[in-house]
Structures are given as C-alpha cells and as structure tokens.
C-alpha cells in the first residue's frame, strides 16, 4: 500500500509573471467513510481528509472543508495567478489529526 499522507503538487512548465496557471495536487489517503467493513465484517473507523489549505508565499489563498465522500487518494486542481516568485504550499489534514504538507516553487 502507498504511504498515507504522501502529497504531490504539479505545476505547468513555461509560464511567466502574471499568467494564470493550473496547479494539481494529490494526497495518498484511504478516505474511509466509517461505513465500510473489513474482511471479518467489523466496521472500519472513519479516517479521511477533513481540510485542505493552499498557501502562496505567506498568504492563504484557499481553505477547503472536505468530507469522507471524496475519493480515495483525493485529487484537487485549481488556478492561481503567478504574480511573484514564492512557494505554493498545500496542507492536508485528516480525522486523526495528521497534517501532510507539500510545496512547489512558483518562479517568475
């Protein structure tokens, strides 16, 4: 099984200052809703991503509340204007209090 919490960010190539770019991010996570059962029929406790924050430099540009209904290994795509050189950081949080972060550098 893949490492829970491993997060990736992908930015396009060839952008310049002022361009609106498409960022893509994924977090490896089982997204258990709490309604499933294991092989022995025992309930699988809820264990899923609850929030995703996006930071561009020191400024939070998005704050999303998410629920167990999103798919395993959730993927999120969003647009951001490349106005200055700074890290683009995505922070994922889950029901067990885990925090997973990944950054990619926007260079203009």
PDB file of N, CA and C in Angstrom:
ATOM      1  N   UNK A   1       0.849  -1.182   0.000  1.00  0.00           N
ATOM      2  CA  UNK A   1       0.000   0.000   0.000  1.00  0.00           C
ATOM      3  C   UNK A   1       0.887   1.235   0.000  1.00  0.00           C
ATOM      4  N   UNK A   2       0.471   2.261  -0.706  1.00  0.00           N
ATOM      5  CA  UNK A   2       1.227   3.514  -0.785  1.00  0.00           C
ATOM      6  C   UNK A   2       1.244   4.196   0.581  1.00  0.00           C
ATOM      7  N   UNK A   3       2.184   5.070   0.749  1.00  0.00           N
ATOM      8  CA  UNK A   3       2.365   5.772   2.016  1.00  0.00           C
ATOM      9  C   UNK A   3       1.255   6.800   2.241  1.00  0.00           C
ATOM     10  N   UNK A   4       0.431   6.578   3.268  1.00  0.00           N
ATOM     11  CA  UNK A   4      -0.637   7.528   3.589  1.00  0.00           C
ATOM     12  C   UNK A   4      -0.028   8.885   3.890  1.00  0.00           C
ATOM     13  N   UNK A   5      -0.604   9.911   3.295  1.00  0.00           N
ATOM     14  CA  UNK A   5      -0.148  11.270   3.525  1.00  0.00           C
ATOM     15  C   UNK A   5       0.861  11.782   2.534  1.00  0.00           C
ATOM     16  N   UNK A   6       1.364  10.924   1.670  1.00  0.00           N
ATOM     17  CA  UNK A   6       2.289  11.415   0.650  1.00  0.00           C
ATOM     18  C   UNK A   6       1.510  12.339  -0.270  1.00  0.00           C
ATOM     19  N   UNK A   7       1.981  13.571  -0.384  1.00  0.00           N
ATOM     20  CA  UNK A   7       1.287  14.568  -1.196  1.00  0.00           C
ATOM     21  C   UNK A   7       2.201  15.036  -2.324  1.00  0.00           C
ATOM     22  N   UNK A   8       1.613  15.342  -3.441  1.00  0.00           N
ATOM     23  CA  UNK A   8       2.353  15.819  -4.612  1.00  0.00           C
ATOM     24  C   UNK A   8       1.678  17.058  -5.171  1.00  0.00           C
ATOM     25  N   UNK A   9       2.477  17.953  -5.718  1.00  0.00           N
ATOM     26  CA  UNK A   9       1.961  19.134  -6.421  1.00  0.00           C
ATOM     27  C   UNK A   9       2.623  19.169  -7.786  1.00  0.00           C
ATOM     28  N   UNK A  10       1.831  19.458  -8.801  1.00  0.00           N
ATOM     29  CA  UNK A  10       2.369  19.599 -10.152  1.00  0.00           C
ATOM     30  C   UNK A  10       1.991  20.974 -10.686  1.00  0.00           C
ATOM     31  N   UNK A  11       2.992  21.680 -11.194  1.00  0.00           N
ATOM     32  CA  UNK A  11       2.779  22.975 -11.837  1.00  0.00           C
ATOM     33  C   UNK A  11       3.145  22.844 -13.314  1.00  0.00           C
ATOM     34  N   UNK A  12       2.525  23.649 -14.167  1.00  0.00           N
ATOM     35  CA  UNK A  12       2.863  23.569 -15.589  1.00  0.00           C
ATOM     36  C   UNK A  12       4.240  24.172 -15.861  1.00  0.00           C
ATOM     37  N   UNK A  13       4.756  23.888 -17.011  1.00  0.00           N
ATOM     38  CA  UNK A  13       6.030  24.480 -17.448  1.00  0.00           C
ATOM     39  C   UNK A  13       5.726  25.677 -18.349  1.00  0.00           C
ATOM     40  N   UNK A  14       6.684  26.568 -18.458  1.00  0.00           N
ATOM     41  CA  UNK A  14       6.598  27.638 -19.450  1.00  0.00           C
ATOM     42  C   UNK A  14       5.697  28.808 -19.115  1.00  0.00           C
ATOM     43  N   UNK A  15       5.377  29.030 -17.878  1.00  0.00           N
ATOM     44  CA  UNK A  15       4.549  30.183 -17.524  1.00  0.00           C
ATOM     45  C   UNK A  15       5.448  31.386 -17.222  1.00  0.00           C
ATOM     46  N   UNK A  16       4.829  32.571 -17.242  1.00  0.00           N
ATOM     47  CA  UNK A  16       5.564  33.790 -16.921  1.00  0.00           C
ATOM     48  C   UNK A  16       4.765  34.615 -15.922  1.00  0.00           C
ATOM     49  N   UNK A  17       5.379  35.648 -15.393  1.00  0.00           N
ATOM     50  CA  UNK A  17       4.740  36.505 -14.392  1.00  0.00           C
ATOM     51  C   UNK A  17       3.399  37.016 -14.923  1.00  0.00           C
ATOM     52  N   UNK A  18       2.365  36.872 -14.089  1.00  0.00           N
ATOM     53  CA  UNK A  18       1.029  37.328 -14.447  1.00  0.00           C
ATOM     54  C   UNK A  18       0.139  36.266 -15.054  1.00  0.00           C
ATOM     55  N   UNK A  19       0.724  35.150 -15.492  1.00  0.00           N
ATOM     56  CA  UNK A  19      -0.078  34.070 -16.074  1.00  0.00           C
ATOM     57  C   UNK A  19      -0.934  33.394 -14.999  1.00  0.00           C
ATOM     58  N   UNK A  20      -2.118  32.964 -15.396  1.00  0.00           N
ATOM     59  CA  UNK A  20      -2.950  32.127 -14.534  1.00  0.00           C
ATOM     60  C   UNK A  20      -2.572  30.690 -14.869  1.00  0.00           C
ATOM     61  N   UNK A  21      -2.096  29.970 -13.858  1.00  0.00           N
ATOM     62  CA  UNK A  21      -1.630  28.602 -14.082  1.00  0.00           C
ATOM     63  C   UNK A  21      -2.528  27.600 -13.358  1.00  0.00           C
ATOM     64  N   UNK A  22      -2.546  26.396 -13.879  1.00  0.00           N
ATOM     65  CA  UNK A  22      -3.330  25.307 -13.305  1.00  0.00           C
ATOM     66  C   UNK A  22      -2.418  24.473 -12.411  1.00  0.00           C
ATOM     67  N   UNK A  23      -2.680  24.456 -11.113  1.00  0.00           N
ATOM     68  CA  UNK A  23      -1.940  23.622 -10.169  1.00  0.00           C
ATOM     69  C   UNK A  23      -2.751  22.353  -9.920  1.00  0.00           C
ATOM     70  N   UNK A  24      -2.050  21.236  -9.762  1.00  0.00           N
ATOM     71  CA  UNK A  24      -2.699  19.963  -9.488  1.00  0.00           C
ATOM     72  C   UNK A  24      -2.049  19.354  -8.257  1.00  0.00           C
ATOM     73  N   UNK A  25      -2.856  18.797  -7.370  1.00  0.00           N
ATOM     74  CA  UNK A  25      -2.315  18.175  -6.162  1.00  0.00           C
ATOM     75  C   UNK A  25      -3.089  16.907  -5.832  1.00  0.00           C
ATOM     76  N   UNK A  26      -2.376  15.963  -5.251  1.00  0.00           N
ATOM     77  CA  UNK A  26      -2.976  14.696  -4.830  1.00  0.00           C
ATOM     78  C   UNK A  26      -2.376  14.324  -3.476  1.00  0.00           C
ATOM     79  N   UNK A  27      -3.189  13.688  -2.649  1.00  0.00           N
ATOM     80  CA  UNK A  27      -2.725  13.188  -1.354  1.00  0.00           C
ATOM     81  C   UNK A  27      -3.103  11.712  -1.259  1.00  0.00           C
ATOM     82  N   UNK A  28      -2.110  10.872  -1.013  1.00  0.00           N
ATOM     83  CA  UNK A  28      -2.374   9.439  -0.861  1.00  0.00           C
ATOM     84  C   UNK A  28      -3.070   9.238   0.485  1.00  0.00           C
ATOM     85  N   UNK A  29      -4.315   8.804   0.443  1.00  0.00           N
ATOM     86  CA  UNK A  29      -5.112   8.655   1.668  1.00  0.00           C
ATOM     87  C   UNK A  29      -6.253   7.675   1.415  1.00  0.00           C
ATOM     88  N   UNK A  30      -6.559   6.787   2.380  1.00  0.00           N
ATOM     89  CA  UNK A  30      -7.594   5.768   2.147  1.00  0.00           C
ATOM     90  C   UNK A  30      -9.021   6.310   2.070  1.00  0.00           C
ATOM     91  N   UNK A  31      -9.287   7.447   2.698  1.00  0.00           N
ATOM     92  CA  UNK A  31     -10.623   8.048   2.665  1.00  0.00           C
ATOM     93  C   UNK A  31     -11.715   7.089   3.155  1.00  0.00           C
ATOM     94  N   UNK A  32     -11.494   6.451   4.296  1.00  0.00           N
ATOM     95  CA  UNK A  32     -12.509   5.570   4.877  1.00  0.00           C
ATOM     96  C   UNK A  32     -13.632   6.412   5.479  1.00  0.00           C
ATOM     97  N   UNK A  33     -14.852   6.134   5.073  1.00  0.00           N
ATOM     98  CA  UNK A  33     -16.007   6.936   5.494  1.00  0.00           C
ATOM     99  C   UNK A  33     -16.529   6.574   6.881  1.00  0.00           C
ATOM    100  N   UNK A  34     -16.187   5.397   7.368  1.00  0.00           N
ATOM    101  CA  UNK A  34     -16.741   4.923   8.628  1.00  0.00           C
ATOM    102  C   UNK A  34     -17.932   4.012   8.418  1.00  0.00           C
ATOM    103  N   UNK A  35     -18.348   3.831   7.171  1.00  0.00           N
ATOM    104  CA  UNK A  35     -19.498   2.983   6.859  1.00  0.00           C
ATOM    105  C   UNK A  35     -19.084   1.608   6.320  1.00  0.00           C
ATOM    106  N   UNK A  36     -17.809   1.438   6.001  1.00  0.00           N
ATOM    107  CA  UNK A  36     -17.348   0.176   5.433  1.00  0.00           C
ATOM    108  C   UNK A  36     -17.035  -0.864   6.495  1.00  0.00           C
ATOM    109  N   UNK A  37     -16.823  -2.096   6.046  1.00  0.00           N
ATOM    110  CA  UNK A  37     -16.478  -3.202   6.947  1.00  0.00           C
ATOM    111  C   UNK A  37     -15.250  -3.918   6.394  1.00  0.00           C
ATOM    112  N   UNK A  38     -14.457  -4.483   7.313  1.00  0.00           N
ATOM    113  CA  UNK A  38     -13.280  -5.239   6.899  1.00  0.00           C
ATOM    114  C   UNK A  38     -13.685  -6.665   6.515  1.00  0.00           C
ATOM    115  N   UNK A  39     -12.691  -7.518   6.238  1.00  0.00           N
ATOM    116  CA  UNK A  39     -12.956  -8.896   5.788  1.00  0.00           C
ATOM    117  C   UNK A  39     -13.711  -9.725   6.824  1.00  0.00           C
ATOM    118  N   UNK A  40     -13.553  -9.389   8.107  1.00  0.00           N
ATOM    119  CA  UNK A  40     -14.253 -10.123   9.174  1.00  0.00           C
ATOM    120  C   UNK A  40     -15.621  -9.511   9.492  1.00  0.00           C
ATOM    121  N   UNK A  41     -15.997  -8.472   8.762  1.00  0.00           N
ATOM    122  CA  UNK A  41     -17.293  -7.838   8.984  1.00  0.00           C
ATOM    123  C   UNK A  41     -17.292  -6.760  10.054  1.00  0.00           C
ATOM    124  N   UNK A  42     -16.122  -6.427  10.583  1.00  0.00           N
ATOM    125  CA  UNK A  42     -16.032  -5.376  11.603  1.00  0.00           C
ATOM    126  C   UNK A  42     -16.008  -4.004  10.930  1.00  0.00           C
ATOM    127  N   UNK A  43     -16.646  -3.023  11.568  1.00  0.00           N
ATOM    128  CA  UNK A  43     -16.657  -1.668  10.982  1.00  0.00           C
ATOM    129  C   UNK A  43     -15.247  -1.091  10.860  1.00  0.00           C
ATOM    130  N   UNK A  44     -15.000  -0.409   9.754  1.00  0.00           N
ATOM    131  CA  UNK A  44     -13.746   0.320   9.557  1.00  0.00           C
ATOM    132  C   UNK A  44     -13.998   1.751  10.029  1.00  0.00           C
ATOM    133  N   UNK A  45     -13.254   2.233  11.028  1.00  0.00           N
ATOM    134  CA  UNK A  45     -13.499   3.590  11.539  1.00  0.00           C
ATOM    135  C   UNK A  45     -13.261   4.662  10.476  1.00  0.00           C
ATOM    136  N   UNK A  46     -13.939   5.768  10.634  1.00  0.00           N
ATOM    137  CA  UNK A  46     -13.746   6.893   9.720  1.00  0.00           C
ATOM    138  C   UNK A  46     -12.299   7.374   9.793  1.00  0.00           C
ATOM    139  N   UNK A  47     -11.719   7.587   8.641  1.00  0.00           N
ATOM    140  CA  UNK A  47     -10.342   8.071   8.525  1.00  0.00           C
ATOM    141  C   UNK A  47     -10.230   8.729   7.161  1.00  0.00           C
ATOM    142  N   UNK A  48     -10.417  10.041   7.136  1.00  0.00           N
ATOM    143  CA  UNK A  48     -10.421  10.751   5.857  1.00  0.00           C
ATOM    144  C   UNK A  48      -9.914  12.175   6.019  1.00  0.00           C
ATOM    145  N   UNK A  49      -9.602  12.788   4.904  1.00  0.00           N
ATOM    146  CA  UNK A  49      -9.172  14.181   4.869  1.00  0.00           C
ATOM    147  C   UNK A  49     -10.343  15.061   5.277  1.00  0.00           C
ATOM    148  N   UNK A  50     -10.078  16.052   6.126  1.00  0.00           N
ATOM    149  CA  UNK A  50     -11.123  16.973   6.582  1.00  0.00           C
ATOM    150  C   UNK A  50     -10.942  18.388   6.049  1.00  0.00           C
ATOM    151  N   UNK A  51      -9.698  18.759   5.728  1.00  0.00           N
ATOM    152  CA  UNK A  51      -9.487  20.114   5.200  1.00  0.00           C
ATOM    153  C   UNK A  51      -8.237  20.168   4.333  1.00  0.00           C
ATOM    154  N   UNK A  52      -8.257  21.120   3.418  1.00  0.00           N
ATOM    155  CA  UNK A  52      -7.124  21.381   2.538  1.00  0.00           C
ATOM    156  C   UNK A  52      -6.934  22.889   2.493  1.00  0.00           C
ATOM    157  N   UNK A  53      -5.730  23.334   2.807  1.00  0.00           N
ATOM    158  CA  UNK A  53      -5.383  24.752   2.722  1.00  0.00           C
ATOM    159  C   UNK A  53      -4.352  24.925   1.622  1.00  0.00           C
ATOM    160  N   UNK A  54      -4.441  26.061   0.924  1.00  0.00           N
ATOM    161  CA  UNK A  54      -3.455  26.400  -0.095  1.00  0.00           C
ATOM    162  C   UNK A  54      -2.844  27.738   0.270  1.00  0.00           C
ATOM    163  N   UNK A  55      -1.527  27.772   0.318  1.00  0.00           N
ATOM    164  CA  UNK A  55      -0.767  28.980   0.651  1.00  0.00           C
ATOM    165  C   UNK A  55       0.107  29.356  -0.541  1.00  0.00           C
ATOM    166  N   UNK A  56       0.130  30.647  -0.855  1.00  0.00           N
ATOM    167  CA  UNK A  56       1.028  31.182  -1.890  1.00  0.00           C
ATOM    168  C   UNK A  56       1.928  32.176  -1.177  1.00  0.00           C
ATOM    169  N   UNK A  57       3.159  31.777  -0.936  1.00  0.00           N
ATOM    170  CA  UNK A  57       4.037  32.578  -0.083  1.00  0.00           C
ATOM    171  C   UNK A  57       3.473  32.558   1.331  1.00  0.00           C
ATOM    172  N   UNK A  58       3.305  33.721   1.923  1.00  0.00           N
ATOM    173  CA  UNK A  58       2.789  33.834   3.294  1.00  0.00           C
ATOM    174  C   UNK A  58       1.269  34.000   3.345  1.00  0.00           C
ATOM    175  N   UNK A  59       0.608  34.014   2.192  1.00  0.00           N
ATOM    176  CA  UNK A  59      -0.836  34.284   2.140  1.00  0.00           C
ATOM    177  C   UNK A  59      -1.635  33.008   1.862  1.00  0.00           C
ATOM    178  N   UNK A  60      -2.629  32.755   2.719  1.00  0.00           N
ATOM    179  CA  UNK A  60      -3.546  31.640   2.463  1.00  0.00           C
ATOM    180  C   UNK A  60      -4.503  32.081   1.363  1.00  0.00           C
ATOM    181  N   UNK A  61      -4.535  31.308   0.270  1.00  0.00           N
ATOM    182  CA  UNK A  61      -5.386  31.692  -0.856  1.00  0.00           C
ATOM    183  C   UNK A  61      -6.620  30.801  -0.998  1.00  0.00           C
ATOM    184  N   UNK A  62      -6.650  29.697  -0.248  1.00  0.00           N
ATOM    185  CA  UNK A  62      -7.826  28.827  -0.287  1.00  0.00           C
ATOM    186  C   UNK A  62      -7.878  27.987   0.981  1.00  0.00           C
ATOM    187  N   UNK A  63      -9.086  27.746   1.448  1.00  0.00           N
ATOM    188  CA  UNK A  63      -9.319  26.923   2.636  1.00  0.00           C
ATOM    189  C   UNK A  63     -10.564  26.090   2.350  1.00  0.00           C
ATOM    190  N   UNK A  64     -10.365  24.783   2.153  1.00  0.00           N
ATOM    191  CA  UNK A  64     -11.468  23.903   1.762  1.00  0.00           C
ATOM    192  C   UNK A  64     -11.806  22.921   2.871  1.00  0.00           C
ATOM    193  N   UNK A  65     -13.066  22.794   3.173  1.00  0.00           N
ATOM    194  CA  UNK A  65     -13.543  21.760   4.092  1.00  0.00           C
ATOM    195  C   UNK A  65     -14.005  20.599   3.234  1.00  0.00           C
ATOM    196  N   UNK A  66     -13.466  19.409   3.500  1.00  0.00           N
ATOM    197  CA  UNK A  66     -13.827  18.238   2.703  1.00  0.00           C
ATOM    198  C   UNK A  66     -14.319  17.126   3.626  1.00  0.00           C
ATOM    199  N   UNK A  67     -14.957  16.130   3.041  1.00  0.00           N
ATOM    200  CA  UNK A  67     -15.582  15.058   3.814  1.00  0.00           C
ATOM    201  C   UNK A  67     -15.187  13.698   3.251  1.00  0.00           C
ATOM    202  N   UNK A  68     -15.561  12.659   3.934  1.00  0.00           N
ATOM    203  CA  UNK A  68     -15.222  11.303   3.543  1.00  0.00           C
ATOM    204  C   UNK A  68     -15.799  10.879   2.209  1.00  0.00           C
ATOM    205  N   UNK A  69     -16.726  11.646   1.674  1.00  0.00           N
ATOM    206  CA  UNK A  69     -17.363  11.264   0.415  1.00  0.00           C
ATOM    207  C   UNK A  69     -16.465  11.480  -0.797  1.00  0.00           C
ATOM    208  N   UNK A  70     -15.335  12.168  -0.637  1.00  0.00           N
ATOM    209  CA  UNK A  70     -14.436  12.307  -1.781  1.00  0.00           C
ATOM    210  C   UNK A  70     -13.625  11.028  -1.939  1.00  0.00           C
ATOM    211  N   UNK A  71     -13.112  10.806  -3.112  1.00  0.00           N
ATOM    212  CA  UNK A  71     -12.480   9.526  -3.450  1.00  0.00           C
ATOM    213  C   UNK A  71     -11.188   9.254  -2.694  1.00  0.00           C
ATOM    214  N   UNK A  72     -10.814   7.990  -2.683  1.00  0.00           N
ATOM    215  CA  UNK A  72      -9.510   7.579  -2.170  1.00  0.00           C
ATOM    216  C   UNK A  72      -8.444   8.347  -2.952  1.00  0.00           C
ATOM    217  N   UNK A  73      -7.363   8.723  -2.269  1.00  0.00           N
ATOM    218  CA  UNK A  73      -6.279   9.491  -2.874  1.00  0.00           C
ATOM    219  C   UNK A  73      -6.827  10.747  -3.567  1.00  0.00           C
ATOM    220  N   UNK A  74      -7.429  11.655  -2.775  1.00  0.00           N
ATOM    221  CA  UNK A  74      -8.086  12.815  -3.369  1.00  0.00           C
ATOM    222  C   UNK A  74      -7.154  13.685  -4.220  1.00  0.00           C
ATOM    223  N   UNK A  75      -7.694  14.134  -5.332  1.00  0.00           N
ATOM    224  CA  UNK A  75      -7.013  14.970  -6.315  1.00  0.00           C
ATOM    225  C   UNK A  75      -7.763  16.290  -6.381  1.00  0.00           C
ATOM    226  N   UNK A  76      -7.018  17.382  -6.318  1.00  0.00           N
ATOM    227  CA  UNK A  76      -7.630  18.711  -6.423  1.00  0.00           C
ATOM    228  C   UNK A  76      -6.828  19.512  -7.441  1.00  0.00           C
ATOM    229  N   UNK A  77      -7.534  20.198  -8.310  1.00  0.00           N
ATOM    230  CA  UNK A  77      -6.922  21.055  -9.312  1.00  0.00           C
ATOM    231  C   UNK A  77      -7.486  22.463  -9.116  1.00  0.00           C
ATOM    232  N   UNK A  78      -6.627  23.462  -9.210  1.00  0.00           N
ATOM    233  CA  UNK A  78      -7.076  24.845  -9.015  1.00  0.00           C
ATOM    234  C   UNK A  78      -6.172  25.777  -9.801  1.00  0.00           C
ATOM    235  N   UNK A  79      -6.646  26.997 -10.002  1.00  0.00           N
ATOM    236  CA  UNK A  79      -5.885  28.006 -10.745  1.00  0.00           C
ATOM    237  C   UNK A  79      -5.345  29.057  -9.784  1.00  0.00           C
ATOM    238  N   UNK A  80      -4.177  29.563 -10.131  1.00  0.00           N
ATOM    239  CA  UNK A  80      -3.549  30.618  -9.349  1.00  0.00           C
ATOM    240  C   UNK A  80      -2.787  31.528 -10.318  1.00  0.00           C
ATOM    241  N   UNK A  81      -2.813  32.833 -10.048  1.00  0.00           N
ATOM    242  CA  UNK A  81      -2.051  33.770 -10.864  1.00  0.00           C
ATOM    243  C   UNK A  81      -0.607  33.802 -10.359  1.00  0.00           C
ATOM    244  N   UNK A  82       0.339  33.563 -11.230  1.00  0.00           N
ATOM    245  CA  UNK A  82       1.762  33.565 -10.877  1.00  0.00           C
ATOM    246  C   UNK A  82       2.250  35.016 -10.829  1.00  0.00           C
ATOM    247  N   UNK A  83       1.928  35.702  -9.736  1.00  0.00           N
ATOM    248  CA  UNK A  83       2.237  37.135  -9.624  1.00  0.00           C
ATOM    249  C   UNK A  83       3.636  37.413  -9.096  1.00  0.00           C
ATOM    250  N   UNK A  84       4.217  36.449  -8.379  1.00  0.00           N
ATOM    251  CA  UNK A  84       5.557  36.624  -7.811  1.00  0.00           C
ATOM    252  C   UNK A  84       6.171  35.254  -7.520  1.00  0.00           C
ATOM    253  N   UNK A  85       7.468  35.246  -7.341  1.00  0.00           N
ATOM    254  CA  UNK A  85       8.152  34.002  -7.001  1.00  0.00           C
ATOM    255  C   UNK A  85       7.943  33.700  -5.522  1.00  0.00           C
ATOM    256  N   UNK A  86       7.426  32.528  -5.243  1.00  0.00           N
ATOM    257  CA  UNK A  86       7.146  32.109  -3.859  1.00  0.00           C
ATOM    258  C   UNK A  86       6.721  30.650  -3.875  1.00  0.00           C
ATOM    259  N   UNK A  87       6.815  29.982  -2.720  1.00  0.00           N
ATOM    260  CA  UNK A  87       6.329  28.607  -2.670  1.00  0.00           C
ATOM    261  C   UNK A  87       4.799  28.545  -2.705  1.00  0.00           C
ATOM    262  N   UNK A  88       4.290  27.546  -3.382  1.00  0.00           N
ATOM    263  CA  UNK A  88       2.871  27.212  -3.346  1.00  0.00           C
ATOM    264  C   UNK A  88       2.783  25.977  -2.475  1.00  0.00           C
ATOM    265  N   UNK A  89       2.139  26.102  -1.325  1.00  0.00           N
ATOM    266  CA  UNK A  89       2.091  25.008  -0.347  1.00  0.00           C
ATOM    267  C   UNK A  89       0.654  24.534  -0.169  1.00  0.00           C
ATOM    268  N   UNK A  90       0.478  23.220  -0.169  1.00  0.00           N
ATOM    269  CA  UNK A  90      -0.824  22.610   0.093  1.00  0.00           C
ATOM    270  C   UNK A  90      -0.710  21.823   1.392  1.00  0.00           C
ATOM    271  N   UNK A  91      -1.669  22.077   2.304  1.00  0.00           N
ATOM    272  CA  UNK A  91      -1.686  21.431   3.618  1.00  0.00           C
ATOM    273  C   UNK A  91      -2.976  20.616   3.728  1.00  0.00           C
ATOM    274  N   UNK A  92      -2.825  19.309   3.912  1.00  0.00           N
ATOM    275  CA  UNK A  92      -3.946  18.387   4.060  1.00  0.00           C
ATOM    276  C   UNK A  92      -4.044  17.988   5.534  1.00  0.00           C
ATOM    277  N   UNK A  93      -5.245  17.948   6.100  1.00  0.00           N
ATOM    278  CA  UNK A  93      -5.451  17.498   7.478  1.00  0.00           C
ATOM    279  C   UNK A  93      -6.509  16.403   7.471  1.00  0.00           C
ATOM    280  N   UNK A  94      -6.375  15.426   8.403  1.00  0.00           N
ATOM    281  CA  UNK A  94      -7.340  14.327   8.421  1.00  0.00           C
ATOM    282  C   UNK A  94      -7.972  14.131   9.800  1.00  0.00           C
ATOM    283  N   UNK A  95      -8.866  13.160   9.893  1.00  0.00           N
ATOM    284  CA  UNK A  95      -9.651  12.924  11.109  1.00  0.00           C
ATOM    285  C   UNK A  95      -8.814  12.456  12.291  1.00  0.00           C
ATOM    286  N   UNK A  96      -7.614  11.970  12.050  1.00  0.00           N
ATOM    287  CA  UNK A  96      -6.742  11.534  13.142  1.00  0.00           C
ATOM    288  C   UNK A  96      -5.783  12.633  13.586  1.00  0.00           C
ATOM    289  N   UNK A  97      -5.946  13.834  13.037  1.00  0.00           N
ATOM    290  CA  UNK A  97      -5.085  14.950  13.407  1.00  0.00           C
ATOM    291  C   UNK A  97      -3.781  15.015  12.647  1.00  0.00           C
ATOM    292  N   UNK A  98      -3.598  14.129  11.678  1.00  0.00           N
ATOM    293  CA  UNK A  98      -2.384  14.166  10.863  1.00  0.00           C
ATOM    294  C   UNK A  98      -2.400  15.390   9.950  1.00  0.00           C
ATOM    295  N   UNK A  99      -1.226  15.944   9.720  1.00  0.00           N
ATOM    296  CA  UNK A  99      -1.066  17.086   8.817  1.00  0.00           C
ATOM    297  C   UNK A  99      -0.010  16.704   7.790  1.00  0.00           C
ATOM    298  N   UNK A 100      -0.369  16.834   6.520  1.00  0.00           N
ATOM    299  CA  UNK A 100       0.529  16.495   5.419  1.00  0.00           C
ATOM    300  C   UNK A 100       0.728  17.744   4.572  1.00  0.00           C
ATOM    301  N   UNK A 101       1.979  18.094   4.288  1.00  0.00           N
ATOM    302  CA  UNK A 101       2.289  19.294   3.520  1.00  0.00           C
ATOM    303  C   UNK A 101       3.164  18.961   2.329  1.00  0.00           C
ATOM    304  N   UNK A 102       2.977  19.732   1.272  1.00  0.00           N
ATOM    305  CA  UNK A 102       3.859  19.645   0.117  1.00  0.00           C
ATOM    306  C   UNK A 102       3.936  21.021  -0.508  1.00  0.00           C
ATOM    307  N   UNK A 103       5.103  21.381  -1.003  1.00  0.00           N
ATOM    308  CA  UNK A 103       5.295  22.680  -1.652  1.00  0.00           C
ATOM    309  C   UNK A 103       5.930  22.510  -3.015  1.00  0.00           C
ATOM    310  N   UNK A 104       5.639  23.468  -3.878  1.00  0.00           N
ATOM    311  CA  UNK A 104       6.288  23.590  -5.186  1.00  0.00           C
ATOM    312  C   UNK A 104       6.583  25.073  -5.371  1.00  0.00           C
ATOM    313  N   UNK A 105       7.691  25.363  -5.984  1.00  0.00           N
ATOM    314  CA  UNK A 105       8.111  26.756  -6.130  1.00  0.00           C
ATOM    315  C   UNK A 105       7.530  27.356  -7.419  1.00  0.00           C
ATOM    316  N   UNK A 106       6.815  28.484  -7.265  1.00  0.00           N
ATOM    317  CA  UNK A 106       6.409  29.276  -8.420  1.00  0.00           C
ATOM    318  C   UNK A 106       7.543  30.256  -8.674  1.00  0.00           C
ATOM    319  N   UNK A 107       8.137  30.182  -9.856  1.00  0.00           N
ATOM    320  CA  UNK A 107       9.281  31.026 -10.193  1.00  0.00           C
ATOM    321  C   UNK A 107       8.924  31.896 -11.388  1.00  0.00           C
ATOM    322  N   UNK A 108       8.928  33.216 -11.175  1.00  0.00           N
ATOM    323  CA  UNK A 108       8.629  34.141 -12.283  1.00  0.00           C
ATOM    324  C   UNK A 108       9.674  35.228 -12.353  1.00  0.00           C
TER     325      UNK A 108
END
